[in-house]
Amino acid sequence: MKFKIVATKIFEKSLKKLTLTEQMQVATKLKILQINPHHPSLRTKKVKGFKMLFECSVNMDIRILWRYEGLEIIITLDIGHHSILDRL
């Protein structure tokens, strides 16, 4: 089953701040996320202290914050360098 990926305005704004190379890496990882949110290359994990918030890795520095919406949708909430988690 493929998930539908829905991006928030915050995610889209943060994505534009990344380099072109990083944006291409994000596109690749979003395709994997859409097919298998727990694929080993994403290193997906639940964010501590939040009930249904997840993070996955684009590379060793960039993280995507996301959550499920029902059984078929993933909402990408924000993206950024590892310090993005400090903003929660």
Protein backbone atom coordinates (compact mmCIF):
# COMPACT_ATOMS: atom_id res chain seq x y z
CA MET A 1 0.00 0.00 0.00
CA LYS A 2 1.27 3.44 -0.90
CA PHE A 3 0.69 6.32 1.50
CA LYS A 4 -0.36 9.72 0.25
CA ILE A 5 2.17 12.35 1.37
CA VAL A 6 0.69 15.71 2.36
CA ALA A 7 3.10 18.55 3.15
CA THR A 8 2.31 21.40 5.52
CA LYS A 9 3.23 24.98 4.58
CA ILE A 10 5.93 24.90 7.27
CA PHE A 11 7.45 21.79 5.65
CA GLU A 12 7.39 23.39 2.19
CA LYS A 13 8.97 26.61 3.49
CA SER A 14 11.72 24.72 5.35
CA LEU A 15 12.37 22.50 2.30
CA LYS A 16 13.08 25.57 0.14
CA LYS A 17 15.84 26.60 2.57
CA LEU A 18 17.80 23.41 1.86
CA THR A 19 20.39 23.15 -0.89
CA LEU A 20 19.42 21.65 -4.24
CA THR A 21 21.40 18.50 -3.41
CA GLU A 22 19.60 18.18 -0.08
CA GLN A 23 16.24 18.72 -1.80
CA MET A 24 17.02 15.88 -4.20
CA GLN A 25 17.91 13.64 -1.23
CA VAL A 26 14.58 14.58 0.37
CA ALA A 27 12.67 13.64 -2.81
CA THR A 28 14.31 10.20 -2.78
CA LYS A 29 13.51 9.64 0.90
CA LEU A 30 9.90 10.79 0.49
CA LYS A 31 9.42 8.12 -2.19
CA ILE A 32 10.70 5.51 0.26
CA LEU A 33 8.53 6.94 3.07
CA GLN A 34 5.49 6.71 0.81
CA ILE A 35 6.04 2.99 0.22
CA ASN A 36 7.48 1.89 3.58
CA PRO A 37 7.65 4.40 6.48
CA HIS A 38 9.80 1.97 8.47
CA HIS A 39 12.36 1.21 5.76
CA PRO A 40 15.78 0.78 7.43
CA SER A 41 17.37 3.59 5.37
CA LEU A 42 14.95 6.11 6.93
CA ARG A 43 15.91 5.22 10.50
CA THR A 44 12.32 6.07 11.52
CA LYS A 45 11.61 6.48 15.19
CA LYS A 46 8.91 7.89 17.42
CA VAL A 47 9.68 11.31 18.91
CA LYS A 48 9.84 11.00 22.69
CA GLY A 49 7.18 12.91 24.58
CA PHE A 50 4.72 12.98 21.66
CA LYS A 51 1.98 10.46 21.09
CA MET A 52 1.97 10.17 17.29
CA LEU A 53 4.97 12.14 16.04
CA PHE A 54 7.72 10.46 14.05
CA GLU A 55 11.07 11.46 12.63
CA CYS A 56 13.08 9.94 9.82
CA SER A 57 16.49 10.70 8.40
CA VAL A 58 17.23 12.13 4.99
CA ASN A 59 20.96 11.99 5.67
CA MET A 60 23.08 12.10 8.81
CA ASP A 61 22.03 15.71 9.48
CA ILE A 62 18.56 16.33 8.02
CA ARG A 63 15.36 15.04 9.61
CA ILE A 64 11.72 14.98 8.52
CA LEU A 65 9.04 15.26 11.19
CA TRP A 66 5.78 13.57 10.28
CA ARG A 67 2.61 11.91 11.54
CA TYR A 68 -0.03 9.57 10.24
CA GLU A 69 -3.47 10.87 9.31
CA GLY A 70 -5.71 7.82 9.34
CA LEU A 71 -4.48 4.71 7.57
CA GLU A 72 -3.51 6.14 4.18
CA ILE A 73 -1.96 9.59 4.70
CA ILE A 74 1.36 10.81 6.04
CA ILE A 75 1.55 14.51 6.91
CA THR A 76 5.07 15.94 6.69
CA LEU A 77 5.18 18.63 9.38
CA ASP A 78 8.69 20.06 9.14
CA ILE A 79 12.15 19.35 7.82
CA GLY A 80 15.56 20.58 8.83
CA HIS A 81 18.90 19.88 10.37
CA HIS A 82 19.03 17.64 13.41
CA SER A 83 18.43 20.65 15.68
CA ILE A 84 14.85 20.71 14.35
CA LEU A 85 13.99 18.48 17.29
CA ASP A 86 15.03 21.25 19.68
CA ARG A 87 12.21 23.43 18.33
CA LEU A 88 9.50 21.05 19.56
